Full PDB file with SEQRES, HELIX, SHEET, SSBOND, CRYST1, ORIGX, SCALE, CONECT and MASTER records, all heavy atoms in Angstrom:
SEQRES   1 A   33  CYS GLU GLY LYS PHE SER ARG MET GLU LYS ASP LEU GLY          
SEQRES   2 A   33  LEU SER TYR PRO THR LEU ARG GLY ARG LEU GLY GLU ILE          
SEQRES   3 A   33  ILE ARG GLN LEU GLY PHE VAL                                  
HELIX    1 AA1 PHE A    5  LEU A   12  1                                   8    
HELIX    2 AA2 TYR A   16  GLN A   29  1                                  14    
CRYST1    1.000    1.000    1.000  90.00  90.00  90.00 P 1           1          
ORIGX1      1.000000  0.000000  0.000000        0.00000                         
ORIGX2      0.000000  1.000000  0.000000        0.00000                         
ORIGX3      0.000000  0.000000  1.000000        0.00000                         
SCALE1      1.000000  0.000000  0.000000        0.00000                         
SCALE2      0.000000  1.000000  0.000000        0.00000                         
SCALE3      0.000000  0.000000  1.000000        0.00000                         
ATOM      1  N   CYS A   1      -8.889  -4.878   4.063  1.00  0.00           N  
ATOM      2  CA  CYS A   1      -8.868  -5.496   2.730  1.00  0.00           C  
ATOM      3  C   CYS A   1      -8.011  -6.761   2.707  1.00  0.00           C  
ATOM      4  O   CYS A   1      -7.729  -7.300   1.630  1.00  0.00           O  
ATOM      5  CB  CYS A   1      -8.356  -4.504   1.692  1.00  0.00           C  
ATOM      6  SG  CYS A   1      -9.490  -3.133   1.394  1.00  0.00           S  
ATOM      7  N   GLU A   2      -7.582  -7.223   3.890  1.00  0.00           N  
ATOM      8  CA  GLU A   2      -6.788  -8.442   4.038  1.00  0.00           C  
ATOM      9  C   GLU A   2      -5.515  -8.403   3.215  1.00  0.00           C  
ATOM     10  O   GLU A   2      -5.046  -9.411   2.698  1.00  0.00           O  
ATOM     11  CB  GLU A   2      -7.630  -9.669   3.682  1.00  0.00           C  
ATOM     12  CG  GLU A   2      -8.866  -9.803   4.550  1.00  0.00           C  
ATOM     13  CD  GLU A   2      -9.746 -10.957   4.134  1.00  0.00           C  
ATOM     14  OE1 GLU A   2      -9.214 -12.057   3.886  1.00  0.00           O  
ATOM     15  OE2 GLU A   2     -10.971 -10.746   4.065  1.00  0.00           O  
ATOM     16  N   GLY A   3      -4.941  -7.213   3.060  1.00  0.00           N  
ATOM     17  CA  GLY A   3      -3.682  -7.063   2.341  1.00  0.00           C  
ATOM     18  C   GLY A   3      -3.793  -7.201   0.835  1.00  0.00           C  
ATOM     19  O   GLY A   3      -2.783  -7.277   0.151  1.00  0.00           O  
ATOM     20  N   LYS A   4      -5.000  -7.195   0.318  1.00  0.00           N  
ATOM     21  CA  LYS A   4      -5.202  -7.369  -1.131  1.00  0.00           C  
ATOM     22  C   LYS A   4      -5.250  -5.999  -1.803  1.00  0.00           C  
ATOM     23  O   LYS A   4      -6.211  -5.243  -1.654  1.00  0.00           O  
ATOM     24  CB  LYS A   4      -6.484  -8.155  -1.398  1.00  0.00           C  
ATOM     25  CG  LYS A   4      -6.370  -9.573  -0.879  1.00  0.00           C  
ATOM     26  CD  LYS A   4      -7.585 -10.381  -1.199  1.00  0.00           C  
ATOM     27  CE  LYS A   4      -7.294 -11.821  -0.822  1.00  0.00           C  
ATOM     28  NZ  LYS A   4      -8.323 -12.418  -0.043  1.00  0.00           N  
ATOM     29  N   PHE A   5      -4.189  -5.708  -2.546  1.00  0.00           N  
ATOM     30  CA  PHE A   5      -4.111  -4.421  -3.216  1.00  0.00           C  
ATOM     31  C   PHE A   5      -5.220  -4.242  -4.243  1.00  0.00           C  
ATOM     32  O   PHE A   5      -5.654  -3.126  -4.495  1.00  0.00           O  
ATOM     33  CB  PHE A   5      -2.754  -4.228  -3.881  1.00  0.00           C  
ATOM     34  CG  PHE A   5      -1.652  -3.852  -2.925  1.00  0.00           C  
ATOM     35  CD1 PHE A   5      -0.343  -4.174  -3.206  1.00  0.00           C  
ATOM     36  CD2 PHE A   5      -1.917  -3.163  -1.748  1.00  0.00           C  
ATOM     37  CE1 PHE A   5       0.678  -3.815  -2.345  1.00  0.00           C  
ATOM     38  CE2 PHE A   5      -0.907  -2.801  -0.884  1.00  0.00           C  
ATOM     39  CZ  PHE A   5       0.394  -3.127  -1.178  1.00  0.00           C  
ATOM     40  N   SER A   6      -5.703  -5.335  -4.824  1.00  0.00           N  
ATOM     41  CA  SER A   6      -6.784  -5.210  -5.809  1.00  0.00           C  
ATOM     42  C   SER A   6      -8.026  -4.602  -5.157  1.00  0.00           C  
ATOM     43  O   SER A   6      -8.696  -3.758  -5.755  1.00  0.00           O  
ATOM     44  CB  SER A   6      -7.111  -6.565  -6.436  1.00  0.00           C  
ATOM     45  OG  SER A   6      -7.509  -7.502  -5.450  1.00  0.00           O  
ATOM     46  N   ARG A   7      -8.312  -4.984  -3.932  1.00  0.00           N  
ATOM     47  CA  ARG A   7      -9.453  -4.408  -3.209  1.00  0.00           C  
ATOM     48  C   ARG A   7      -9.158  -2.977  -2.789  1.00  0.00           C  
ATOM     49  O   ARG A   7     -10.032  -2.107  -2.831  1.00  0.00           O  
ATOM     50  CB  ARG A   7      -9.795  -5.255  -1.990  1.00  0.00           C  
ATOM     51  CG  ARG A   7     -10.482  -6.565  -2.383  1.00  0.00           C  
ATOM     52  CD  ARG A   7     -10.753  -7.494  -1.246  1.00  0.00           C  
ATOM     53  NE  ARG A   7     -11.427  -6.882  -0.105  1.00  0.00           N  
ATOM     54  CZ  ARG A   7     -11.537  -7.473   1.078  1.00  0.00           C  
ATOM     55  NH1 ARG A   7     -11.042  -8.666   1.274  1.00  0.00           N  
ATOM     56  NH2 ARG A   7     -12.149  -6.863   2.069  1.00  0.00           N  
ATOM     57  N   MET A   8      -7.926  -2.717  -2.392  1.00  0.00           N  
ATOM     58  CA  MET A   8      -7.553  -1.370  -1.974  1.00  0.00           C  
ATOM     59  C   MET A   8      -7.607  -0.407  -3.160  1.00  0.00           C  
ATOM     60  O   MET A   8      -8.006   0.754  -2.990  1.00  0.00           O  
ATOM     61  CB  MET A   8      -6.159  -1.373  -1.350  1.00  0.00           C  
ATOM     62  CG  MET A   8      -6.094  -2.096  -0.013  1.00  0.00           C  
ATOM     63  SD  MET A   8      -4.441  -2.082   0.692  1.00  0.00           S  
ATOM     64  CE  MET A   8      -4.328  -0.371   1.229  1.00  0.00           C  
ATOM     65  N   GLU A   9      -7.206  -0.883  -4.337  1.00  0.00           N  
ATOM     66  CA  GLU A   9      -7.272  -0.039  -5.538  1.00  0.00           C  
ATOM     67  C   GLU A   9      -8.700   0.438  -5.760  1.00  0.00           C  
ATOM     68  O   GLU A   9      -8.934   1.614  -6.061  1.00  0.00           O  
ATOM     69  CB  GLU A   9      -6.786  -0.807  -6.771  1.00  0.00           C  
ATOM     70  CG  GLU A   9      -5.288  -1.006  -6.822  1.00  0.00           C  
ATOM     71  CD  GLU A   9      -4.845  -1.852  -8.000  1.00  0.00           C  
ATOM     72  OE1 GLU A   9      -5.344  -2.993  -8.137  1.00  0.00           O  
ATOM     73  OE2 GLU A   9      -4.007  -1.374  -8.782  1.00  0.00           O  
ATOM     74  N   LYS A  10      -9.656  -0.479  -5.609  1.00  0.00           N  
ATOM     75  CA  LYS A  10     -11.069  -0.139  -5.795  1.00  0.00           C  
ATOM     76  C   LYS A  10     -11.553   0.806  -4.691  1.00  0.00           C  
ATOM     77  O   LYS A  10     -12.218   1.796  -4.970  1.00  0.00           O  
ATOM     78  CB  LYS A  10     -11.926  -1.405  -5.810  1.00  0.00           C  
ATOM     79  CG  LYS A  10     -11.697  -2.287  -7.017  1.00  0.00           C  
ATOM     80  CD  LYS A  10     -12.466  -3.580  -6.899  1.00  0.00           C  
ATOM     81  CE  LYS A  10     -12.072  -4.550  -7.994  1.00  0.00           C  
ATOM     82  NZ  LYS A  10     -12.612  -5.885  -7.768  1.00  0.00           N  
ATOM     83  N   ASP A  11     -11.224   0.500  -3.448  1.00  0.00           N  
ATOM     84  CA  ASP A  11     -11.692   1.304  -2.315  1.00  0.00           C  
ATOM     85  C   ASP A  11     -11.121   2.720  -2.323  1.00  0.00           C  
ATOM     86  O   ASP A  11     -11.831   3.678  -2.038  1.00  0.00           O  
ATOM     87  CB  ASP A  11     -11.327   0.637  -0.983  1.00  0.00           C  
ATOM     88  CG  ASP A  11     -12.223  -0.527  -0.632  1.00  0.00           C  
ATOM     89  OD1 ASP A  11     -13.080  -0.900  -1.450  1.00  0.00           O  
ATOM     90  OD2 ASP A  11     -12.065  -1.060   0.488  1.00  0.00           O  
ATOM     91  N   LEU A  12      -9.826   2.835  -2.624  1.00  0.00           N  
ATOM     92  CA  LEU A  12      -9.152   4.123  -2.517  1.00  0.00           C  
ATOM     93  C   LEU A  12      -9.015   4.863  -3.843  1.00  0.00           C  
ATOM     94  O   LEU A  12      -8.673   6.045  -3.853  1.00  0.00           O  
ATOM     95  CB  LEU A  12      -7.759   3.934  -1.897  1.00  0.00           C  
ATOM     96  CG  LEU A  12      -7.741   3.384  -0.472  1.00  0.00           C  
ATOM     97  CD1 LEU A  12      -6.315   3.082  -0.039  1.00  0.00           C  
ATOM     98  CD2 LEU A  12      -8.388   4.367   0.480  1.00  0.00           C  
ATOM     99  N   GLY A  13      -9.229   4.136  -4.949  1.00  0.00           N  
ATOM    100  CA  GLY A  13      -9.057   4.768  -6.254  1.00  0.00           C  
ATOM    101  C   GLY A  13      -7.604   5.101  -6.553  1.00  0.00           C  
ATOM    102  O   GLY A  13      -7.314   6.072  -7.252  1.00  0.00           O  
ATOM    103  N   LEU A  14      -6.688   4.307  -6.003  1.00  0.00           N  
ATOM    104  CA  LEU A  14      -5.259   4.517  -6.223  1.00  0.00           C  
ATOM    105  C   LEU A  14      -4.677   3.355  -7.011  1.00  0.00           C  
ATOM    106  O   LEU A  14      -5.178   2.236  -6.949  1.00  0.00           O  
ATOM    107  CB  LEU A  14      -4.523   4.638  -4.878  1.00  0.00           C  
ATOM    108  CG  LEU A  14      -4.943   5.806  -3.987  1.00  0.00           C  
ATOM    109  CD1 LEU A  14      -4.270   5.702  -2.626  1.00  0.00           C  
ATOM    110  CD2 LEU A  14      -4.602   7.129  -4.651  1.00  0.00           C  
ATOM    111  N   SER A  15      -3.596   3.624  -7.725  1.00  0.00           N  
ATOM    112  CA  SER A  15      -2.956   2.584  -8.529  1.00  0.00           C  
ATOM    113  C   SER A  15      -2.095   1.676  -7.650  1.00  0.00           C  
ATOM    114  O   SER A  15      -1.691   2.040  -6.545  1.00  0.00           O  
ATOM    115  CB  SER A  15      -2.070   3.222  -9.603  1.00  0.00           C  
ATOM    116  OG  SER A  15      -0.950   3.856  -8.997  1.00  0.00           O  
ATOM    117  N   TYR A  16      -1.802   0.496  -8.183  1.00  0.00           N  
ATOM    118  CA  TYR A  16      -0.944  -0.467  -7.483  1.00  0.00           C  
ATOM    119  C   TYR A  16       0.401   0.160  -7.116  1.00  0.00           C  
ATOM    120  O   TYR A  16       0.834   0.047  -5.958  1.00  0.00           O  
ATOM    121  CB  TYR A  16      -0.762  -1.728  -8.338  1.00  0.00           C  
ATOM    122  CG  TYR A  16       0.179  -2.730  -7.734  1.00  0.00           C  
ATOM    123  CD1 TYR A  16      -0.270  -3.663  -6.807  1.00  0.00           C  
ATOM    124  CD2 TYR A  16       1.531  -2.747  -8.085  1.00  0.00           C  
ATOM    125  CE1 TYR A  16       0.596  -4.583  -6.238  1.00  0.00           C  
ATOM    126  CE2 TYR A  16       2.403  -3.659  -7.521  1.00  0.00           C  
ATOM    127  CZ  TYR A  16       1.937  -4.567  -6.594  1.00  0.00           C  
ATOM    128  OH  TYR A  16       2.798  -5.467  -6.033  1.00  0.00           O  
ATOM    129  N   PRO A  17       1.104   0.843  -8.061  1.00  0.00           N  
ATOM    130  CA  PRO A  17       2.399   1.437  -7.687  1.00  0.00           C  
ATOM    131  C   PRO A  17       2.289   2.465  -6.555  1.00  0.00           C  
ATOM    132  O   PRO A  17       3.170   2.538  -5.693  1.00  0.00           O  
ATOM    133  CB  PRO A  17       2.879   2.109  -8.979  1.00  0.00           C  
ATOM    134  CG  PRO A  17       2.179   1.388 -10.075  1.00  0.00           C  
ATOM    135  CD  PRO A  17       0.847   0.997  -9.499  1.00  0.00           C  
ATOM    136  N   THR A  18       1.208   3.227  -6.529  1.00  0.00           N  
ATOM    137  CA  THR A  18       1.012   4.204  -5.457  1.00  0.00           C  
ATOM    138  C   THR A  18       0.821   3.493  -4.120  1.00  0.00           C  
ATOM    139  O   THR A  18       1.414   3.876  -3.105  1.00  0.00           O  
ATOM    140  CB  THR A  18      -0.204   5.104  -5.750  1.00  0.00           C  
ATOM    141  OG1 THR A  18       0.029   5.789  -6.985  1.00  0.00           O  
ATOM    142  CG2 THR A  18      -0.450   6.105  -4.638  1.00  0.00           C  
ATOM    143  N   LEU A  19       0.012   2.427  -4.121  1.00  0.00           N  
ATOM    144  CA  LEU A  19      -0.211   1.661  -2.895  1.00  0.00           C  
ATOM    145  C   LEU A  19       1.090   1.027  -2.405  1.00  0.00           C  
ATOM    146  O   LEU A  19       1.393   1.059  -1.209  1.00  0.00           O  
ATOM    147  CB  LEU A  19      -1.278   0.589  -3.121  1.00  0.00           C  
ATOM    148  CG  LEU A  19      -2.685   1.110  -3.399  1.00  0.00           C  
ATOM    149  CD1 LEU A  19      -3.602  -0.042  -3.804  1.00  0.00           C  
ATOM    150  CD2 LEU A  19      -3.245   1.852  -2.202  1.00  0.00           C  
ATOM    151  N   ARG A  20       1.867   0.449  -3.312  1.00  0.00           N  
ATOM    152  CA  ARG A  20       3.150  -0.161  -2.936  1.00  0.00           C  
ATOM    153  C   ARG A  20       4.081   0.889  -2.350  1.00  0.00           C  
ATOM    154  O   ARG A  20       4.787   0.643  -1.371  1.00  0.00           O  
ATOM    155  CB  ARG A  20       3.832  -0.827  -4.142  1.00  0.00           C  
ATOM    156  CG  ARG A  20       3.260  -2.142  -4.581  1.00  0.00           C  
ATOM    157  CD  ARG A  20       3.425  -3.267  -3.631  1.00  0.00           C  
ATOM    158  NE  ARG A  20       4.815  -3.491  -3.251  1.00  0.00           N  
ATOM    159  CZ  ARG A  20       5.184  -4.237  -2.228  1.00  0.00           C  
ATOM    160  NH1 ARG A  20       4.292  -4.842  -1.500  1.00  0.00           N  
ATOM    161  NH2 ARG A  20       6.445  -4.404  -1.938  1.00  0.00           N  
ATOM    162  N   GLY A  21       4.094   2.066  -2.966  1.00  0.00           N  
ATOM    163  CA  GLY A  21       4.947   3.146  -2.473  1.00  0.00           C  
ATOM    164  C   GLY A  21       4.571   3.562  -1.059  1.00  0.00           C  
ATOM    165  O   GLY A  21       5.443   3.750  -0.199  1.00  0.00           O  
ATOM    166  N   ARG A  22       3.269   3.693  -0.811  1.00  0.00           N  
ATOM    167  CA  ARG A  22       2.812   4.083   0.533  1.00  0.00           C  
ATOM    168  C   ARG A  22       3.128   3.006   1.554  1.00  0.00           C  
ATOM    169  O   ARG A  22       3.527   3.298   2.682  1.00  0.00           O  
ATOM    170  CB  ARG A  22       1.327   4.394   0.524  1.00  0.00           C  
ATOM    171  CG  ARG A  22       1.049   5.685  -0.211  1.00  0.00           C  
ATOM    172  CD  ARG A  22      -0.351   6.158  -0.020  1.00  0.00           C  
ATOM    173  NE  ARG A  22      -0.562   7.365  -0.806  1.00  0.00           N  
ATOM    174  CZ  ARG A  22      -1.715   7.980  -0.904  1.00  0.00           C  
ATOM    175  NH1 ARG A  22      -2.765   7.521  -0.249  1.00  0.00           N  
ATOM    176  NH2 ARG A  22      -1.840   9.053  -1.643  1.00  0.00           N  
ATOM    177  N   LEU A  23       2.952   1.750   1.166  1.00  0.00           N  
ATOM    178  CA  LEU A  23       3.285   0.654   2.075  1.00  0.00           C  
ATOM    179  C   LEU A  23       4.787   0.659   2.369  1.00  0.00           C  
ATOM    180  O   LEU A  23       5.199   0.458   3.513  1.00  0.00           O  
ATOM    181  CB  LEU A  23       2.851  -0.698   1.499  1.00  0.00           C  
ATOM    182  CG  LEU A  23       3.135  -1.908   2.368  1.00  0.00           C  
ATOM    183  CD1 LEU A  23       2.429  -1.802   3.723  1.00  0.00           C  
ATOM    184  CD2 LEU A  23       2.720  -3.179   1.651  1.00  0.00           C  
ATOM    185  N   GLY A  24       5.593   0.904   1.356  1.00  0.00           N  
ATOM    186  CA  GLY A  24       7.045   0.990   1.553  1.00  0.00           C  
ATOM    187  C   GLY A  24       7.427   2.078   2.540  1.00  0.00           C  
ATOM    188  O   GLY A  24       8.301   1.888   3.395  1.00  0.00           O  
ATOM    189  N   GLU A  25       6.773   3.237   2.437  1.00  0.00           N  
ATOM    190  CA  GLU A  25       7.024   4.339   3.381  1.00  0.00           C  
ATOM    191  C   GLU A  25       6.685   3.915   4.803  1.00  0.00           C  
ATOM    192  O   GLU A  25       7.426   4.221   5.749  1.00  0.00           O  
ATOM    193  CB  GLU A  25       6.168   5.556   3.013  1.00  0.00           C  
ATOM    194  CG  GLU A  25       6.579   6.260   1.748  1.00  0.00           C  
ATOM    195  CD  GLU A  25       5.566   7.320   1.329  1.00  0.00           C  
ATOM    196  OE1 GLU A  25       4.656   7.651   2.131  1.00  0.00           O  
ATOM    197  OE2 GLU A  25       5.677   7.815   0.195  1.00  0.00           O  
ATOM    198  N   ILE A  26       5.573   3.220   4.964  1.00  0.00           N  
ATOM    199  CA  ILE A  26       5.154   2.766   6.296  1.00  0.00           C  
ATOM    200  C   ILE A  26       6.137   1.741   6.845  1.00  0.00           C  
ATOM    201  O   ILE A  26       6.525   1.803   8.018  1.00  0.00           O  
ATOM    202  CB  ILE A  26       3.716   2.198   6.245  1.00  0.00           C  
ATOM    203  CG1 ILE A  26       2.726   3.339   5.977  1.00  0.00           C  
ATOM    204  CG2 ILE A  26       3.365   1.449   7.529  1.00  0.00           C  
ATOM    205  CD1 ILE A  26       1.328   2.892   5.639  1.00  0.00           C  
ATOM    206  N   ILE A  27       6.572   0.832   6.001  1.00  0.00           N  
ATOM    207  CA  ILE A  27       7.546  -0.178   6.431  1.00  0.00           C  
ATOM    208  C   ILE A  27       8.819   0.502   6.922  1.00  0.00           C  
ATOM    209  O   ILE A  27       9.366   0.153   7.977  1.00  0.00           O  
ATOM    210  CB  ILE A  27       7.838  -1.168   5.283  1.00  0.00           C  
ATOM    211  CG1 ILE A  27       6.590  -2.018   5.001  1.00  0.00           C  
ATOM    212  CG2 ILE A  27       9.057  -2.037   5.598  1.00  0.00           C  
ATOM    213  CD1 ILE A  27       6.671  -2.832   3.722  1.00  0.00           C  
ATOM    214  N   ARG A  28       9.297   1.501   6.173  1.00  0.00           N  
ATOM    215  CA  ARG A  28      10.503   2.232   6.576  1.00  0.00           C  
ATOM    216  C   ARG A  28      10.259   3.011   7.873  1.00  0.00           C  
ATOM    217  O   ARG A  28      11.122   3.049   8.754  1.00  0.00           O  
ATOM    218  CB  ARG A  28      10.961   3.170   5.464  1.00  0.00           C  
ATOM    219  CG  ARG A  28      11.693   2.443   4.333  1.00  0.00           C  
ATOM    220  CD  ARG A  28      12.271   3.404   3.309  1.00  0.00           C  
ATOM    221  NE  ARG A  28      11.247   4.001   2.463  1.00  0.00           N  
ATOM    222  CZ  ARG A  28      10.661   3.394   1.433  1.00  0.00           C  
ATOM    223  NH1 ARG A  28      11.012   2.165   1.110  1.00  0.00           N  
ATOM    224  NH2 ARG A  28       9.743   3.996   0.725  1.00  0.00           N  
ATOM    225  N   GLN A  29       9.082   3.633   8.011  1.00  0.00           N  
ATOM    226  CA  GLN A  29       8.753   4.400   9.210  1.00  0.00           C  
ATOM    227  C   GLN A  29       8.738   3.506  10.449  1.00  0.00           C  
ATOM    228  O   GLN A  29       9.071   3.935  11.540  1.00  0.00           O  
ATOM    229  CB  GLN A  29       7.391   5.089   9.039  1.00  0.00           C  
ATOM    230  CG  GLN A  29       7.028   6.038  10.134  1.00  0.00           C  
ATOM    231  CD  GLN A  29       7.828   7.331  10.093  1.00  0.00           C  
ATOM    232  OE1 GLN A  29       8.392   7.707   9.070  1.00  0.00           O  
ATOM    233  NE2 GLN A  29       7.926   7.986  11.220  1.00  0.00           N  
ATOM    234  N   LEU A  30       8.376   2.234  10.255  1.00  0.00           N  
ATOM    235  CA  LEU A  30       8.369   1.279  11.371  1.00  0.00           C  
ATOM    236  C   LEU A  30       9.760   0.747  11.694  1.00  0.00           C  
ATOM    237  O   LEU A  30       9.938  -0.001  12.647  1.00  0.00           O  
ATOM    238  CB  LEU A  30       7.418   0.120  11.058  1.00  0.00           C  
ATOM    239  CG  LEU A  30       5.934   0.469  10.995  1.00  0.00           C  
ATOM    240  CD1 LEU A  30       5.118  -0.737  10.539  1.00  0.00           C  
ATOM    241  CD2 LEU A  30       5.426   0.988  12.325  1.00  0.00           C  
ATOM    242  N   GLY A  31      10.754   1.134  10.887  1.00  0.00           N  
ATOM    243  CA  GLY A  31      12.129   0.731  11.151  1.00  0.00           C  
ATOM    244  C   GLY A  31      12.592  -0.502  10.410  1.00  0.00           C  
ATOM    245  O   GLY A  31      13.628  -1.075  10.740  1.00  0.00           O  
ATOM    246  N   PHE A  32      11.839  -0.929   9.403  1.00  0.00           N  
ATOM    247  CA  PHE A  32      12.210  -2.097   8.611  1.00  0.00           C  
ATOM    248  C   PHE A  32      12.678  -1.664   7.227  1.00  0.00           C  
ATOM    249  O   PHE A  32      12.451  -0.531   6.812  1.00  0.00           O  
ATOM    250  CB  PHE A  32      11.014  -3.053   8.471  1.00  0.00           C  
ATOM    251  CG  PHE A  32      10.453  -3.535   9.781  1.00  0.00           C  
ATOM    252  CD1 PHE A  32       9.194  -3.134  10.206  1.00  0.00           C  
ATOM    253  CD2 PHE A  32      11.184  -4.373  10.606  1.00  0.00           C  
ATOM    254  CE1 PHE A  32       8.671  -3.562  11.408  1.00  0.00           C  
ATOM    255  CE2 PHE A  32      10.671  -4.816  11.817  1.00  0.00           C  
ATOM    256  CZ  PHE A  32       9.413  -4.412  12.218  1.00  0.00           C  
ATOM    257  N   VAL A  33      13.296  -2.602   6.517  1.00  0.00           N  
ATOM    258  CA  VAL A  33      13.712  -2.358   5.144  1.00  0.00           C  
ATOM    259  C   VAL A  33      12.773  -3.146   4.243  1.00  0.00           C  
ATOM    260  O   VAL A  33      12.701  -4.372   4.345  1.00  0.00           O  
ATOM    261  CB  VAL A  33      15.180  -2.810   4.911  1.00  0.00           C  
ATOM    262  CG1 VAL A  33      15.585  -2.596   3.466  1.00  0.00           C  
ATOM    263  CG2 VAL A  33      16.108  -2.068   5.851  1.00  0.00           C  
TER     264      VAL A  33                                                      
MASTER        0    0    0    2    0    0    0    6  263    1    0    3          
END                                                                             
């Protein structure tokens, strides 16, 4: 989705805050803040 949450919202049926939260978890899992 080229990092576009608007497209991901449509594809996954998830809200923007949920997508941001999941991305934040992944960023932390990779060792970043």
